[in-house]
């Protein structure tokens, strides 16, 4: 059986949103550095409150592209 390593789709500049605990708001921050490797990735994130922390991908952590990424051979508009 082949062992496939998952690859990250997150990039520097992408946004992270974490769901808050019950009764707490979600948090939003921007990825400023990719850390680790494919099986143990994590991100340095600058939060809207202007502090930084390390985030590990988990349930409730969403990654959204900073802007539309271009695919070779396609055109906008």
PDB file of N, CA and C in Angstrom:
ATOM      1  N   UNK A   1       0.847  -1.179   0.000  1.00  0.00           N
ATOM      2  CA  UNK A   1       0.000   0.000   0.000  1.00  0.00           C
ATOM      3  C   UNK A   1       0.888   1.237   0.000  1.00  0.00           C
ATOM      4  N   UNK A   2       0.644   2.151  -0.925  1.00  0.00           N
ATOM      5  CA  UNK A   2       1.454   3.361  -1.050  1.00  0.00           C
ATOM      6  C   UNK A   2       1.105   4.351   0.053  1.00  0.00           C
ATOM      7  N   UNK A   3       2.129   5.027   0.578  1.00  0.00           N
ATOM      8  CA  UNK A   3       1.929   6.027   1.616  1.00  0.00           C
ATOM      9  C   UNK A   3       2.001   7.397   0.968  1.00  0.00           C
ATOM     10  N   UNK A   4       0.902   8.081   0.875  1.00  0.00           N
ATOM     11  CA  UNK A   4       0.857   9.415   0.279  1.00  0.00           C
ATOM     12  C   UNK A   4       0.961  10.455   1.374  1.00  0.00           C
ATOM     13  N   UNK A   5       1.901  11.399   1.212  1.00  0.00           N
ATOM     14  CA  UNK A   5       2.005  12.503   2.158  1.00  0.00           C
ATOM     15  C   UNK A   5       1.024  13.578   1.759  1.00  0.00           C
ATOM     16  N   UNK A   6       0.227  14.074   2.690  1.00  0.00           N
ATOM     17  CA  UNK A   6      -0.676  15.168   2.338  1.00  0.00           C
ATOM     18  C   UNK A   6       0.132  16.420   2.047  1.00  0.00           C
ATOM     19  N   UNK A   7      -0.338  17.210   1.103  1.00  0.00           N
ATOM     20  CA  UNK A   7       0.358  18.457   0.818  1.00  0.00           C
ATOM     21  C   UNK A   7      -0.508  19.616   1.282  1.00  0.00           C
ATOM     22  N   UNK A   8       0.158  20.645   1.744  1.00  0.00           N
ATOM     23  CA  UNK A   8      -0.569  21.796   2.230  1.00  0.00           C
ATOM     24  C   UNK A   8      -1.043  22.643   1.065  1.00  0.00           C
ATOM     25  N   UNK A   9      -2.180  23.235   1.217  1.00  0.00           N
ATOM     26  CA  UNK A   9      -2.656  24.181   0.215  1.00  0.00           C
ATOM     27  C   UNK A   9      -2.524  25.593   0.746  1.00  0.00           C
ATOM     28  N   UNK A  10      -2.105  25.720   1.991  1.00  0.00           N
ATOM     29  CA  UNK A  10      -1.936  27.045   2.585  1.00  0.00           C
ATOM     30  C   UNK A  10      -0.661  27.684   2.054  1.00  0.00           C
ATOM     31  N   UNK A  11      -0.706  29.000   1.908  1.00  0.00           N
ATOM     32  CA  UNK A  11       0.447  29.769   1.474  1.00  0.00           C
ATOM     33  C   UNK A  11       0.553  31.019   2.330  1.00  0.00           C
ATOM     34  N   UNK A  12       1.757  31.579   2.382  1.00  0.00           N
ATOM     35  CA  UNK A  12       1.930  32.849   3.080  1.00  0.00           C
ATOM     36  C   UNK A  12       0.979  33.862   2.446  1.00  0.00           C
ATOM     37  N   UNK A  13       0.292  34.612   3.273  1.00  0.00           N
ATOM     38  CA  UNK A  13      -0.683  35.591   2.797  1.00  0.00           C
ATOM     39  C   UNK A  13      -2.119  35.110   2.881  1.00  0.00           C
ATOM     40  N   UNK A  14      -2.313  33.783   2.982  1.00  0.00           N
ATOM     41  CA  UNK A  14      -3.668  33.240   3.140  1.00  0.00           C
ATOM     42  C   UNK A  14      -4.201  33.616   4.517  1.00  0.00           C
ATOM     43  N   UNK A  15      -5.501  33.510   4.660  1.00  0.00           N
ATOM     44  CA  UNK A  15      -6.180  33.852   5.909  1.00  0.00           C
ATOM     45  C   UNK A  15      -6.605  32.595   6.638  1.00  0.00           C
ATOM     46  N   UNK A  16      -6.553  32.651   7.952  1.00  0.00           N
ATOM     47  CA  UNK A  16      -6.991  31.568   8.851  1.00  0.00           C
ATOM     48  C   UNK A  16      -8.187  32.085   9.636  1.00  0.00           C
ATOM     49  N   UNK A  17      -9.185  31.248   9.759  1.00  0.00           N
ATOM     50  CA  UNK A  17     -10.296  31.577  10.653  1.00  0.00           C
ATOM     51  C   UNK A  17     -10.493  30.397  11.582  1.00  0.00           C
ATOM     52  N   UNK A  18     -10.542  30.680  12.875  1.00  0.00           N
ATOM     53  CA  UNK A  18     -10.783  29.630  13.863  1.00  0.00           C
ATOM     54  C   UNK A  18     -12.122  29.885  14.517  1.00  0.00           C
ATOM     55  N   UNK A  19     -12.880  28.814  14.680  1.00  0.00           N
ATOM     56  CA  UNK A  19     -14.170  28.929  15.356  1.00  0.00           C
ATOM     57  C   UNK A  19     -13.926  29.114  16.840  1.00  0.00           C
ATOM     58  N   UNK A  20     -14.654  30.018  17.448  1.00  0.00           N
ATOM     59  CA  UNK A  20     -14.503  30.272  18.879  1.00  0.00           C
ATOM     60  C   UNK A  20     -15.165  29.188  19.708  1.00  0.00           C
ATOM     61  N   UNK A  21     -14.823  29.166  20.960  1.00  0.00           N
ATOM     62  CA  UNK A  21     -15.507  28.283  21.895  1.00  0.00           C
ATOM     63  C   UNK A  21     -16.961  28.729  21.988  1.00  0.00           C
ATOM     64  N   UNK A  22     -17.855  27.878  22.472  1.00  0.00           N
ATOM     65  CA  UNK A  22     -19.254  28.294  22.579  1.00  0.00           C
ATOM     66  C   UNK A  22     -19.384  29.639  23.298  1.00  0.00           C
ATOM     67  N   UNK A  23     -20.083  30.555  22.665  1.00  0.00           N
ATOM     68  CA  UNK A  23     -20.288  31.876  23.238  1.00  0.00           C
ATOM     69  C   UNK A  23     -19.173  32.862  22.928  1.00  0.00           C
ATOM     70  N   UNK A  24     -18.119  32.415  22.240  1.00  0.00           N
ATOM     71  CA  UNK A  24     -16.994  33.285  21.888  1.00  0.00           C
ATOM     72  C   UNK A  24     -16.973  33.490  20.366  1.00  0.00           C
ATOM     73  N   UNK A  25     -16.524  34.659  19.914  1.00  0.00           N
ATOM     74  CA  UNK A  25     -16.481  34.912  18.469  1.00  0.00           C
ATOM     75  C   UNK A  25     -15.338  34.155  17.785  1.00  0.00           C
ATOM     76  N   UNK A  26     -15.457  33.998  16.468  1.00  0.00           N
ATOM     77  CA  UNK A  26     -14.376  33.433  15.666  1.00  0.00           C
ATOM     78  C   UNK A  26     -13.213  34.412  15.653  1.00  0.00           C
ATOM     79  N   UNK A  27     -12.013  33.903  15.346  1.00  0.00           N
ATOM     80  CA  UNK A  27     -10.826  34.749  15.202  1.00  0.00           C
ATOM     81  C   UNK A  27     -10.337  34.649  13.772  1.00  0.00           C
ATOM     82  N   UNK A  28      -9.748  35.733  13.286  1.00  0.00           N
ATOM     83  CA  UNK A  28      -9.246  35.761  11.921  1.00  0.00           C
ATOM     84  C   UNK A  28      -7.818  36.314  11.942  1.00  0.00           C
ATOM     85  N   UNK A  29      -6.932  35.690  11.163  1.00  0.00           N
ATOM     86  CA  UNK A  29      -5.555  36.147  11.071  1.00  0.00           C
ATOM     87  C   UNK A  29      -4.962  35.762   9.732  1.00  0.00           C
ATOM     88  N   UNK A  30      -3.800  36.322   9.445  1.00  0.00           N
ATOM     89  CA  UNK A  30      -3.134  36.062   8.168  1.00  0.00           C
ATOM     90  C   UNK A  30      -1.881  35.230   8.404  1.00  0.00           C
ATOM     91  N   UNK A  31      -1.678  34.230   7.545  1.00  0.00           N
ATOM     92  CA  UNK A  31      -0.479  33.393   7.625  1.00  0.00           C
ATOM     93  C   UNK A  31       0.715  34.229   7.185  1.00  0.00           C
ATOM     94  N   UNK A  32       1.732  34.308   8.062  1.00  0.00           N
ATOM     95  CA  UNK A  32       2.930  35.073   7.714  1.00  0.00           C
ATOM     96  C   UNK A  32       4.149  34.170   7.539  1.00  0.00           C
ATOM     97  N   UNK A  33       4.013  32.873   7.940  1.00  0.00           N
ATOM     98  CA  UNK A  33       5.112  31.934   7.750  1.00  0.00           C
ATOM     99  C   UNK A  33       4.575  30.510   7.800  1.00  0.00           C
ATOM    100  N   UNK A  34       5.071  29.643   6.893  1.00  0.00           N
ATOM    101  CA  UNK A  34       4.743  28.220   6.912  1.00  0.00           C
ATOM    102  C   UNK A  34       5.852  27.512   7.662  1.00  0.00           C
ATOM    103  N   UNK A  35       5.486  26.639   8.588  1.00  0.00           N
ATOM    104  CA  UNK A  35       6.448  25.915   9.407  1.00  0.00           C
ATOM    105  C   UNK A  35       6.195  24.417   9.293  1.00  0.00           C
ATOM    106  N   UNK A  36       7.190  23.613   9.627  1.00  0.00           N
ATOM    107  CA  UNK A  36       7.015  22.170   9.635  1.00  0.00           C
ATOM    108  C   UNK A  36       7.104  21.560   8.258  1.00  0.00           C
ATOM    109  N   UNK A  37       6.517  20.391   8.109  1.00  0.00           N
ATOM    110  CA  UNK A  37       6.502  19.672   6.841  1.00  0.00           C
ATOM    111  C   UNK A  37       5.108  19.103   6.619  1.00  0.00           C
ATOM    112  N   UNK A  38       4.909  18.437   5.490  1.00  0.00           N
ATOM    113  CA  UNK A  38       3.569  18.009   5.073  1.00  0.00           C
ATOM    114  C   UNK A  38       2.817  17.199   6.118  1.00  0.00           C
ATOM    115  N   UNK A  39       3.487  16.384   6.893  1.00  0.00           N
ATOM    116  CA  UNK A  39       2.790  15.575   7.893  1.00  0.00           C
ATOM    117  C   UNK A  39       2.720  16.250   9.262  1.00  0.00           C
ATOM    118  N   UNK A  40       3.330  17.417   9.372  1.00  0.00           N
ATOM    119  CA  UNK A  40       3.335  18.122  10.663  1.00  0.00           C
ATOM    120  C   UNK A  40       3.392  19.632  10.411  1.00  0.00           C
ATOM    121  N   UNK A  41       2.501  20.101   9.547  1.00  0.00           N
ATOM    122  CA  UNK A  41       2.526  21.516   9.187  1.00  0.00           C
ATOM    123  C   UNK A  41       1.898  22.378  10.273  1.00  0.00           C
ATOM    124  N   UNK A  42       2.342  23.607  10.297  1.00  0.00           N
ATOM    125  CA  UNK A  42       1.783  24.611  11.202  1.00  0.00           C
ATOM    126  C   UNK A  42       2.100  25.967  10.601  1.00  0.00           C
ATOM    127  N   UNK A  43       1.444  26.982  11.114  1.00  0.00           N
ATOM    128  CA  UNK A  43       1.551  28.315  10.528  1.00  0.00           C
ATOM    129  C   UNK A  43       1.803  29.366  11.609  1.00  0.00           C
ATOM    130  N   UNK A  44       2.655  30.339  11.296  1.00  0.00           N
ATOM    131  CA  UNK A  44       2.753  31.529  12.144  1.00  0.00           C
ATOM    132  C   UNK A  44       1.698  32.487  11.612  1.00  0.00           C
ATOM    133  N   UNK A  45       0.820  32.928  12.497  1.00  0.00           N
ATOM    134  CA  UNK A  45      -0.335  33.741  12.107  1.00  0.00           C
ATOM    135  C   UNK A  45      -0.301  35.072  12.852  1.00  0.00           C
ATOM    136  N   UNK A  46      -0.548  36.150  12.112  1.00  0.00           N
ATOM    137  CA  UNK A  46      -0.734  37.471  12.737  1.00  0.00           C
ATOM    138  C   UNK A  46      -2.242  37.704  12.793  1.00  0.00           C
ATOM    139  N   UNK A  47      -2.755  37.753  14.010  1.00  0.00           N
ATOM    140  CA  UNK A  47      -4.191  37.893  14.240  1.00  0.00           C
ATOM    141  C   UNK A  47      -4.644  39.333  14.064  1.00  0.00           C
ATOM    142  N   UNK A  48      -5.946  39.506  13.856  1.00  0.00           N
ATOM    143  CA  UNK A  48      -6.529  40.848  13.724  1.00  0.00           C
ATOM    144  C   UNK A  48      -6.203  41.726  14.934  1.00  0.00           C
ATOM    145  N   UNK A  49      -6.009  41.108  16.110  1.00  0.00           N
ATOM    146  CA  UNK A  49      -5.686  41.877  17.316  1.00  0.00           C
ATOM    147  C   UNK A  49      -4.223  42.293  17.345  1.00  0.00           C
ATOM    148  N   UNK A  50      -3.479  42.035  16.260  1.00  0.00           N
ATOM    149  CA  UNK A  50      -2.076  42.432  16.067  1.00  0.00           C
ATOM    150  C   UNK A  50      -1.067  41.638  16.887  1.00  0.00           C
ATOM    151  N   UNK A  51      -1.403  40.458  17.368  1.00  0.00           N
ATOM    152  CA  UNK A  51      -0.389  39.609  17.977  1.00  0.00           C
ATOM    153  C   UNK A  51      -0.209  38.382  17.097  1.00  0.00           C
ATOM    154  N   UNK A  52       0.866  37.626  17.336  1.00  0.00           N
ATOM    155  CA  UNK A  52       1.178  36.451  16.533  1.00  0.00           C
ATOM    156  C   UNK A  52       1.166  35.199  17.394  1.00  0.00           C
ATOM    157  N   UNK A  53       0.862  34.075  16.746  1.00  0.00           N
ATOM    158  CA  UNK A  53       0.956  32.785  17.421  1.00  0.00           C
ATOM    159  C   UNK A  53       1.136  31.698  16.366  1.00  0.00           C
ATOM    160  N   UNK A  54       1.434  30.488  16.834  1.00  0.00           N
ATOM    161  CA  UNK A  54       1.579  29.329  15.960  1.00  0.00           C
ATOM    162  C   UNK A  54       0.257  28.566  15.973  1.00  0.00           C
ATOM    163  N   UNK A  55      -0.225  28.196  14.794  1.00  0.00           N
ATOM    164  CA  UNK A  55      -1.499  27.483  14.667  1.00  0.00           C
ATOM    165  C   UNK A  55      -1.254  26.150  13.973  1.00  0.00           C
ATOM    166  N   UNK A  56      -1.798  25.092  14.536  1.00  0.00           N
ATOM    167  CA  UNK A  56      -1.769  23.769  13.933  1.00  0.00           C
ATOM    168  C   UNK A  56      -3.114  23.523  13.265  1.00  0.00           C
ATOM    169  N   UNK A  57      -3.125  23.026  12.024  1.00  0.00           N
ATOM    170  CA  UNK A  57      -4.399  22.724  11.379  1.00  0.00           C
ATOM    171  C   UNK A  57      -5.186  21.708  12.214  1.00  0.00           C
ATOM    172  N   UNK A  58      -6.463  21.945  12.374  1.00  0.00           N
ATOM    173  CA  UNK A  58      -7.326  21.063  13.160  1.00  0.00           C
ATOM    174  C   UNK A  58      -8.775  21.343  12.781  1.00  0.00           C
ATOM    175  N   UNK A  59      -9.681  20.538  13.304  1.00  0.00           N
ATOM    176  CA  UNK A  59     -11.099  20.817  13.090  1.00  0.00           C
ATOM    177  C   UNK A  59     -11.399  22.216  13.606  1.00  0.00           C
ATOM    178  N   UNK A  60     -12.166  22.962  12.840  1.00  0.00           N
ATOM    179  CA  UNK A  60     -12.527  24.305  13.251  1.00  0.00           C
ATOM    180  C   UNK A  60     -11.539  25.369  12.802  1.00  0.00           C
ATOM    181  N   UNK A  61     -10.459  24.962  12.104  1.00  0.00           N
ATOM    182  CA  UNK A  61      -9.489  25.915  11.560  1.00  0.00           C
ATOM    183  C   UNK A  61      -9.639  25.900  10.042  1.00  0.00           C
ATOM    184  N   UNK A  62     -10.069  27.019   9.493  1.00  0.00           N
ATOM    185  CA  UNK A  62     -10.284  27.117   8.054  1.00  0.00           C
ATOM    186  C   UNK A  62      -9.205  27.982   7.429  1.00  0.00           C
ATOM    187  N   UNK A  63      -8.726  27.585   6.238  1.00  0.00           N
ATOM    188  CA  UNK A  63      -7.747  28.371   5.485  1.00  0.00           C
ATOM    189  C   UNK A  63      -8.442  28.896   4.238  1.00  0.00           C
ATOM    190  N   UNK A  64      -8.359  30.213   4.013  1.00  0.00           N
ATOM    191  CA  UNK A  64      -8.954  30.848   2.835  1.00  0.00           C
ATOM    192  C   UNK A  64      -7.847  31.553   2.056  1.00  0.00           C
ATOM    193  N   UNK A  65      -7.787  31.339   0.740  1.00  0.00           N
ATOM    194  CA  UNK A  65      -6.759  32.005  -0.063  1.00  0.00           C
ATOM    195  C   UNK A  65      -6.836  33.524   0.069  1.00  0.00           C
ATOM    196  N   UNK A  66      -5.663  34.163   0.027  1.00  0.00           N
ATOM    197  CA  UNK A  66      -5.586  35.620   0.127  1.00  0.00           C
ATOM    198  C   UNK A  66      -6.297  36.277  -1.047  1.00  0.00           C
ATOM    199  N   UNK A  67      -6.163  35.684  -2.202  1.00  0.00           N
ATOM    200  CA  UNK A  67      -6.819  36.186  -3.411  1.00  0.00           C
ATOM    201  C   UNK A  67      -6.940  35.003  -4.360  1.00  0.00           C
ATOM    202  N   UNK A  68      -7.655  35.209  -5.404  1.00  0.00           N
ATOM    203  CA  UNK A  68      -7.841  34.140  -6.381  1.00  0.00           C
ATOM    204  C   UNK A  68      -6.490  33.726  -6.947  1.00  0.00           C
ATOM    205  N   UNK A  69      -6.194  32.441  -6.889  1.00  0.00           N
ATOM    206  CA  UNK A  69      -4.940  31.934  -7.438  1.00  0.00           C
ATOM    207  C   UNK A  69      -5.144  31.587  -8.899  1.00  0.00           C
ATOM    208  N   UNK A  70      -4.167  31.904  -9.706  1.00  0.00           N
ATOM    209  CA  UNK A  70      -4.263  31.644 -11.144  1.00  0.00           C
ATOM    210  C   UNK A  70      -3.786  30.232 -11.458  1.00  0.00           C
ATOM    211  N   UNK A  71      -4.514  29.569 -12.347  1.00  0.00           N
ATOM    212  CA  UNK A  71      -4.135  28.265 -12.838  1.00  0.00           C
ATOM    213  C   UNK A  71      -3.574  28.446 -14.226  1.00  0.00           C
ATOM    214  N   UNK A  72      -2.404  27.858 -14.521  1.00  0.00           N
ATOM    215  CA  UNK A  72      -1.844  28.026 -15.863  1.00  0.00           C
ATOM    216  C   UNK A  72      -2.853  27.637 -16.937  1.00  0.00           C
ATOM    217  N   UNK A  73      -2.929  28.457 -17.967  1.00  0.00           N
ATOM    218  CA  UNK A  73      -3.836  28.175 -19.089  1.00  0.00           C
ATOM    219  C   UNK A  73      -5.226  28.749 -18.905  1.00  0.00           C
ATOM    220  N   UNK A  74      -5.488  29.456 -17.797  1.00  0.00           N
ATOM    221  CA  UNK A  74      -6.806  30.062 -17.605  1.00  0.00           C
ATOM    222  C   UNK A  74      -6.665  31.572 -17.585  1.00  0.00           C
ATOM    223  N   UNK A  75      -7.760  32.229 -17.873  1.00  0.00           N
ATOM    224  CA  UNK A  75      -7.749  33.696 -17.865  1.00  0.00           C
ATOM    225  C   UNK A  75      -8.908  34.199 -17.029  1.00  0.00           C
ATOM    226  N   UNK A  76      -8.703  35.323 -16.367  1.00  0.00           N
ATOM    227  CA  UNK A  76      -9.783  35.973 -15.624  1.00  0.00           C
ATOM    228  C   UNK A  76     -10.659  36.742 -16.579  1.00  0.00           C
ATOM    229  N   UNK A  77     -11.946  36.854 -16.215  1.00  0.00           N
ATOM    230  CA  UNK A  77     -12.852  37.748 -16.890  1.00  0.00           C
ATOM    231  C   UNK A  77     -13.350  37.291 -18.160  1.00  0.00           C
TER     232      UNK A  77
END
